[in-house]
PDB file of all heavy atoms in Angstrom:
ATOM      1  N   THR A   1       0.836  -1.193   0.012  1.00  0.00           N
ATOM      2  CA  THR A   1       0.012  -0.009   0.025  1.00  0.00           C
ATOM      3  C   THR A   1       0.850   1.261   0.022  1.00  0.00           C
ATOM      4  O   THR A   1       1.976   1.279   0.571  1.00  0.00           O
ATOM      5  CB  THR A   1      -0.943  -0.031   1.274  1.00  0.00           C
ATOM      6  OG1 THR A   1      -1.882   1.105   1.148  1.00  0.00           O
ATOM      7  CG2 THR A   1      -0.172   0.051   2.525  1.00  0.00           C
ATOM      8  N   LYS A   2       0.386   2.226  -0.658  1.00  0.00           N
ATOM      9  CA  LYS A   2       1.102   3.534  -0.733  1.00  0.00           C
ATOM     10  C   LYS A   2       0.656   4.441   0.398  1.00  0.00           C
ATOM     11  O   LYS A   2      -0.529   4.538   0.665  1.00  0.00           O
ATOM     12  CB  LYS A   2       0.808   4.253  -2.042  1.00  0.00           C
ATOM     13  CG  LYS A   2       1.534   5.576  -2.243  1.00  0.00           C
ATOM     14  CD  LYS A   2       1.110   6.236  -3.547  1.00  0.00           C
ATOM     15  CE  LYS A   2       1.742   7.578  -3.693  1.00  0.00           C
ATOM     16  NZ  LYS A   2       1.350   8.267  -4.971  1.00  0.00           N
ATOM     17  N   PRO A   3       1.635   5.083   1.100  1.00  0.00           N
ATOM     18  CA  PRO A   3       1.216   6.019   2.210  1.00  0.00           C
ATOM     19  C   PRO A   3       0.646   7.313   1.649  1.00  0.00           C
ATOM     20  O   PRO A   3       0.872   7.679   0.487  1.00  0.00           O
ATOM     21  CB  PRO A   3       2.563   6.275   2.908  1.00  0.00           C
ATOM     22  CG  PRO A   3       3.616   6.124   1.826  1.00  0.00           C
ATOM     23  CD  PRO A   3       3.078   5.005   0.951  1.00  0.00           C
ATOM     24  N   THR A   4      -0.156   7.953   2.462  1.00  0.00           N
ATOM     25  CA  THR A   4      -0.673   9.226   2.126  1.00  0.00           C
ATOM     26  C   THR A   4       0.086  10.330   2.869  1.00  0.00           C
ATOM     27  O   THR A   4       0.042  10.405   4.110  1.00  0.00           O
ATOM     28  CB  THR A   4      -2.188   9.351   2.537  1.00  0.00           C
ATOM     29  OG1 THR A   4      -2.844   8.319   1.866  1.00  0.00           O
ATOM     30  CG2 THR A   4      -2.766  10.651   2.151  1.00  0.00           C
ATOM     31  N   ALA A   5       0.868  11.134   2.177  1.00  0.00           N
ATOM     32  CA  ALA A   5       1.754  12.088   2.729  1.00  0.00           C
ATOM     33  C   ALA A   5       1.055  13.056   3.666  1.00  0.00           C
ATOM     34  O   ALA A   5       1.530  13.468   4.729  1.00  0.00           O
ATOM     35  CB  ALA A   5       2.567  12.860   1.687  1.00  0.00           C
ATOM     36  N   ALA A   6      -0.181  13.446   3.285  1.00  0.00           N
ATOM     37  CA  ALA A   6      -0.918  14.489   4.124  1.00  0.00           C
ATOM     38  C   ALA A   6      -1.525  13.915   5.384  1.00  0.00           C
ATOM     39  O   ALA A   6      -1.929  14.694   6.240  1.00  0.00           O
ATOM     40  CB  ALA A   6      -2.005  15.071   3.241  1.00  0.00           C
ATOM     41  N   ASN A   7      -1.590  12.607   5.472  1.00  0.00           N
ATOM     42  CA  ASN A   7      -2.196  11.987   6.646  1.00  0.00           C
ATOM     43  C   ASN A   7      -1.055  11.334   7.486  1.00  0.00           C
ATOM     44  O   ASN A   7      -0.602  10.247   7.168  1.00  0.00           O
ATOM     45  CB  ASN A   7      -3.258  10.977   6.252  1.00  0.00           C
ATOM     46  CG  ASN A   7      -4.013  10.466   7.488  1.00  0.00           C
ATOM     47  OD1 ASN A   7      -3.473  10.196   8.545  1.00  0.00           O
ATOM     48  ND2 ASN A   7      -5.355  10.308   7.315  1.00  0.00           N
ATOM     49  N   LYS A   8      -0.653  12.004   8.503  1.00  0.00           N
ATOM     50  CA  LYS A   8       0.570  11.538   9.241  1.00  0.00           C
ATOM     51  C   LYS A   8       0.319  10.203  10.001  1.00  0.00           C
ATOM     52  O   LYS A   8       1.271   9.547  10.401  1.00  0.00           O
ATOM     53  CB  LYS A   8       1.041  12.646  10.229  1.00  0.00           C
ATOM     54  CG  LYS A   8       1.327  13.941   9.515  1.00  0.00           C
ATOM     55  CD  LYS A   8       2.378  13.791   8.433  1.00  0.00           C
ATOM     56  CE  LYS A   8       2.758  15.162   7.763  1.00  0.00           C
ATOM     57  NZ  LYS A   8       3.654  14.998   6.633  1.00  0.00           N
ATOM     58  N   SER A   9      -0.978   9.895  10.259  1.00  0.00           N
ATOM     59  CA  SER A   9      -1.261   8.680  11.014  1.00  0.00           C
ATOM     60  C   SER A   9      -1.498   7.489  10.080  1.00  0.00           C
ATOM     61  O   SER A   9      -1.816   6.408  10.572  1.00  0.00           O
ATOM     62  CB  SER A   9      -2.490   8.947  11.889  1.00  0.00           C
ATOM     63  OG  SER A   9      -3.691   9.041  11.094  1.00  0.00           O
ATOM     64  N   CYS A  10      -1.288   7.682   8.780  1.00  0.00           N
ATOM     65  CA  CYS A  10      -1.760   6.599   7.877  1.00  0.00           C
ATOM     66  C   CYS A  10      -0.897   5.304   8.047  1.00  0.00           C
ATOM     67  O   CYS A  10      -1.366   4.234   7.850  1.00  0.00           O
ATOM     68  CB  CYS A  10      -1.707   7.053   6.404  1.00  0.00           C
ATOM     69  SG  CYS A  10      -0.082   7.190   5.627  1.00  0.00           S
ATOM     70  N   TYR A  11       0.409   5.523   8.408  1.00  0.00           N
ATOM     71  CA  TYR A  11       1.266   4.276   8.520  1.00  0.00           C
ATOM     72  C   TYR A  11       0.704   3.373   9.632  1.00  0.00           C
ATOM     73  O   TYR A  11       0.515   2.245   9.417  1.00  0.00           O
ATOM     74  CB  TYR A  11       2.707   4.696   8.856  1.00  0.00           C
ATOM     75  CG  TYR A  11       3.490   5.305   7.684  1.00  0.00           C
ATOM     76  CD1 TYR A  11       3.357   6.613   7.358  1.00  0.00           C
ATOM     77  CD2 TYR A  11       4.300   4.496   6.900  1.00  0.00           C
ATOM     78  CE1 TYR A  11       4.035   7.198   6.324  1.00  0.00           C
ATOM     79  CE2 TYR A  11       5.005   5.031   5.836  1.00  0.00           C
ATOM     80  CZ  TYR A  11       4.860   6.402   5.542  1.00  0.00           C
ATOM     81  OH  TYR A  11       5.560   6.907   4.492  1.00  0.00           O
ATOM     82  N   GLN A  12       0.499   3.997  10.806  1.00  0.00           N
ATOM     83  CA  GLN A  12      -0.032   3.199  11.917  1.00  0.00           C
ATOM     84  C   GLN A  12      -1.470   2.758  11.624  1.00  0.00           C
ATOM     85  O   GLN A  12      -1.845   1.640  11.970  1.00  0.00           O
ATOM     86  CB  GLN A  12       0.006   4.000  13.182  1.00  0.00           C
ATOM     87  CG  GLN A  12      -0.242   3.156  14.484  1.00  0.00           C
ATOM     88  CD  GLN A  12       0.782   2.070  14.646  1.00  0.00           C
ATOM     89  OE1 GLN A  12       1.950   2.376  14.648  1.00  0.00           O
ATOM     90  NE2 GLN A  12       0.344   0.860  14.852  1.00  0.00           N
ATOM     91  N   GLY A  13      -2.270   3.635  11.033  1.00  0.00           N
ATOM     92  CA  GLY A  13      -3.623   3.272  10.745  1.00  0.00           C
ATOM     93  C   GLY A  13      -3.754   2.160   9.791  1.00  0.00           C
ATOM     94  O   GLY A  13      -4.584   1.203  10.051  1.00  0.00           O
ATOM     95  N   LYS A  14      -2.962   2.108   8.752  1.00  0.00           N
ATOM     96  CA  LYS A  14      -3.043   1.006   7.795  1.00  0.00           C
ATOM     97  C   LYS A  14      -2.557  -0.310   8.418  1.00  0.00           C
ATOM     98  O   LYS A  14      -3.154  -1.354   8.259  1.00  0.00           O
ATOM     99  CB  LYS A  14      -2.135   1.325   6.605  1.00  0.00           C
ATOM    100  CG  LYS A  14      -2.738   2.321   5.585  1.00  0.00           C
ATOM    101  CD  LYS A  14      -1.729   2.780   4.551  1.00  0.00           C
ATOM    102  CE  LYS A  14      -2.333   3.715   3.523  1.00  0.00           C
ATOM    103  NZ  LYS A  14      -3.105   3.014   2.476  1.00  0.00           N
ATOM    104  N   SER A  15      -1.524  -0.229   9.235  1.00  0.00           N
ATOM    105  CA  SER A  15      -1.044  -1.441   9.894  1.00  0.00           C
ATOM    106  C   SER A  15      -2.083  -1.972  10.916  1.00  0.00           C
ATOM    107  O   SER A  15      -2.301  -3.145  10.938  1.00  0.00           O
ATOM    108  CB  SER A  15       0.316  -1.140  10.629  1.00  0.00           C
ATOM    109  OG  SER A  15       0.775  -2.207  11.332  1.00  0.00           O
ATOM    110  N   ASP A  16      -2.642  -1.110  11.727  1.00  0.00           N
ATOM    111  CA  ASP A  16      -3.593  -1.545  12.681  1.00  0.00           C
ATOM    112  C   ASP A  16      -4.883  -2.147  12.033  1.00  0.00           C
ATOM    113  O   ASP A  16      -5.448  -3.130  12.490  1.00  0.00           O
ATOM    114  CB  ASP A  16      -4.070  -0.375  13.545  1.00  0.00           C
ATOM    115  CG  ASP A  16      -2.989   0.095  14.522  1.00  0.00           C
ATOM    116  OD1 ASP A  16      -1.959  -0.652  14.700  1.00  0.00           O
ATOM    117  OD2 ASP A  16      -3.121   1.201  15.046  1.00  0.00           O
ATOM    118  N   TRP A  17      -5.242  -1.538  10.877  1.00  0.00           N
ATOM    119  CA  TRP A  17      -6.403  -2.034  10.139  1.00  0.00           C
ATOM    120  C   TRP A  17      -6.173  -3.430   9.612  1.00  0.00           C
ATOM    121  O   TRP A  17      -7.049  -4.303   9.705  1.00  0.00           O
ATOM    122  CB  TRP A  17      -6.769  -1.031   9.015  1.00  0.00           C
ATOM    123  CG  TRP A  17      -8.030  -1.237   8.342  1.00  0.00           C
ATOM    124  CD1 TRP A  17      -9.230  -0.644   8.713  1.00  0.00           C
ATOM    125  CD2 TRP A  17      -8.354  -2.144   7.287  1.00  0.00           C
ATOM    126  NE1 TRP A  17     -10.259  -1.099   7.863  1.00  0.00           N
ATOM    127  CE2 TRP A  17      -9.691  -2.008   6.970  1.00  0.00           C
ATOM    128  CE3 TRP A  17      -7.568  -3.030   6.507  1.00  0.00           C
ATOM    129  CZ2 TRP A  17     -10.354  -2.712   5.995  1.00  0.00           C
ATOM    130  CZ3 TRP A  17      -8.178  -3.752   5.514  1.00  0.00           C
ATOM    131  CH2 TRP A  17      -9.528  -3.623   5.252  1.00  0.00           C
ATOM    132  N   ILE A  18      -5.036  -3.701   9.063  1.00  0.00           N
ATOM    133  CA  ILE A  18      -4.724  -5.059   8.554  1.00  0.00           C
ATOM    134  C   ILE A  18      -4.719  -6.037   9.722  1.00  0.00           C
ATOM    135  O   ILE A  18      -5.231  -7.144   9.552  1.00  0.00           O
ATOM    136  CB  ILE A  18      -3.366  -5.055   7.764  1.00  0.00           C
ATOM    137  CG1 ILE A  18      -3.486  -4.278   6.482  1.00  0.00           C
ATOM    138  CG2 ILE A  18      -2.903  -6.465   7.564  1.00  0.00           C
ATOM    139  CD1 ILE A  18      -4.327  -4.901   5.454  1.00  0.00           C
ATOM    140  N   ALA A  19      -4.116  -5.652  10.806  1.00  0.00           N
ATOM    141  CA  ALA A  19      -4.044  -6.517  11.973  1.00  0.00           C
ATOM    142  C   ALA A  19      -5.487  -6.940  12.448  1.00  0.00           C
ATOM    143  O   ALA A  19      -5.679  -8.045  12.827  1.00  0.00           O
ATOM    144  CB  ALA A  19      -3.322  -5.899  13.113  1.00  0.00           C
ATOM    145  N   GLU A  20      -6.390  -5.955  12.386  1.00  0.00           N
ATOM    146  CA  GLU A  20      -7.755  -6.289  12.847  1.00  0.00           C
ATOM    147  C   GLU A  20      -8.595  -7.109  11.826  1.00  0.00           C
ATOM    148  O   GLU A  20      -9.270  -8.004  12.239  1.00  0.00           O
ATOM    149  CB  GLU A  20      -8.458  -4.910  13.051  1.00  0.00           C
ATOM    150  CG  GLU A  20      -9.953  -5.117  13.525  1.00  0.00           C
ATOM    151  CD  GLU A  20     -10.639  -3.843  13.745  1.00  0.00           C
ATOM    152  OE1 GLU A  20     -10.034  -2.721  13.629  1.00  0.00           O
ATOM    153  OE2 GLU A  20     -11.859  -3.827  14.040  1.00  0.00           O
ATOM    154  N   HIS A  21      -8.515  -6.778  10.560  1.00  0.00           N
ATOM    155  CA  HIS A  21      -9.367  -7.348   9.540  1.00  0.00           C
ATOM    156  C   HIS A  21      -8.733  -8.508   8.748  1.00  0.00           C
ATOM    157  O   HIS A  21      -9.468  -9.376   8.245  1.00  0.00           O
ATOM    158  CB  HIS A  21      -9.883  -6.306   8.602  1.00  0.00           C
ATOM    159  CG  HIS A  21     -10.641  -5.235   9.279  1.00  0.00           C
ATOM    160  ND1 HIS A  21     -11.881  -5.443   9.842  1.00  0.00           N
ATOM    161  CD2 HIS A  21     -10.347  -3.931   9.544  1.00  0.00           C
ATOM    162  CE1 HIS A  21     -12.345  -4.287  10.365  1.00  0.00           C
ATOM    163  NE2 HIS A  21     -11.417  -3.403  10.225  1.00  0.00           N
ATOM    164  N   PHE A  22      -7.387  -8.510   8.627  1.00  0.00           N
ATOM    165  CA  PHE A  22      -6.711  -9.590   7.891  1.00  0.00           C
ATOM    166  C   PHE A  22      -5.456 -10.003   8.663  1.00  0.00           C
ATOM    167  O   PHE A  22      -4.326  -9.761   8.271  1.00  0.00           O
ATOM    168  CB  PHE A  22      -6.326  -9.057   6.455  1.00  0.00           C
ATOM    169  CG  PHE A  22      -7.485  -8.717   5.638  1.00  0.00           C
ATOM    170  CD1 PHE A  22      -8.056  -7.475   5.624  1.00  0.00           C
ATOM    171  CD2 PHE A  22      -7.985  -9.724   4.769  1.00  0.00           C
ATOM    172  CE1 PHE A  22      -9.140  -7.190   4.820  1.00  0.00           C
ATOM    173  CE2 PHE A  22      -9.064  -9.446   3.897  1.00  0.00           C
ATOM    174  CZ  PHE A  22      -9.645  -8.164   3.934  1.00  0.00           C
ATOM    175  N   PRO A  23      -5.704 -10.651   9.868  1.00  0.00           N
ATOM    176  CA  PRO A  23      -4.616 -10.953  10.734  1.00  0.00           C
ATOM    177  C   PRO A  23      -3.488 -11.817  10.060  1.00  0.00           C
ATOM    178  O   PRO A  23      -2.296 -11.735  10.412  1.00  0.00           O
ATOM    179  CB  PRO A  23      -5.252 -11.661  11.904  1.00  0.00           C
ATOM    180  CG  PRO A  23      -6.599 -12.055  11.447  1.00  0.00           C
ATOM    181  CD  PRO A  23      -6.987 -11.007  10.370  1.00  0.00           C
ATOM    182  N   SER A  24      -3.871 -12.644   9.156  1.00  0.00           N
ATOM    183  CA  SER A  24      -2.828 -13.512   8.472  1.00  0.00           C
ATOM    184  C   SER A  24      -1.866 -12.724   7.640  1.00  0.00           C
ATOM    185  O   SER A  24      -0.800 -13.213   7.276  1.00  0.00           O
ATOM    186  CB  SER A  24      -3.532 -14.572   7.580  1.00  0.00           C
ATOM    187  OG  SER A  24      -4.138 -13.976   6.467  1.00  0.00           O
ATOM    188  N   LEU A  25      -2.272 -11.474   7.310  1.00  0.00           N
ATOM    189  CA  LEU A  25      -1.400 -10.617   6.489  1.00  0.00           C
ATOM    190  C   LEU A  25      -0.618  -9.505   7.293  1.00  0.00           C
ATOM    191  O   LEU A  25       0.030  -8.731   6.689  1.00  0.00           O
ATOM    192  CB  LEU A  25      -2.248  -9.966   5.388  1.00  0.00           C
ATOM    193  CG  LEU A  25      -2.913 -10.967   4.407  1.00  0.00           C
ATOM    194  CD1 LEU A  25      -3.767 -10.188   3.431  1.00  0.00           C
ATOM    195  CD2 LEU A  25      -1.939 -11.865   3.693  1.00  0.00           C
ATOM    196  N   HIS A  26      -0.853  -9.485   8.595  1.00  0.00           N
ATOM    197  CA  HIS A  26      -0.301  -8.377   9.359  1.00  0.00           C
ATOM    198  C   HIS A  26       1.262  -8.310   9.338  1.00  0.00           C
ATOM    199  O   HIS A  26       1.834  -7.250   9.279  1.00  0.00           O
ATOM    200  CB  HIS A  26      -0.774  -8.455  10.859  1.00  0.00           C
ATOM    201  CG  HIS A  26      -0.302  -7.261  11.650  1.00  0.00           C
ATOM    202  ND1 HIS A  26       0.271  -7.350  12.905  1.00  0.00           N
ATOM    203  CD2 HIS A  26      -0.325  -5.920  11.376  1.00  0.00           C
ATOM    204  CE1 HIS A  26       0.503  -6.136  13.354  1.00  0.00           C
ATOM    205  NE2 HIS A  26       0.204  -5.264  12.412  1.00  0.00           N
TER     206      HIS A  26
END
């Protein structure tokens, strides 16, 4: 996934989201 430069929380947000919804891919 590509980060969004304007959203400083996107790195953590994307990682947390994958962990919650697709744990096998975290």
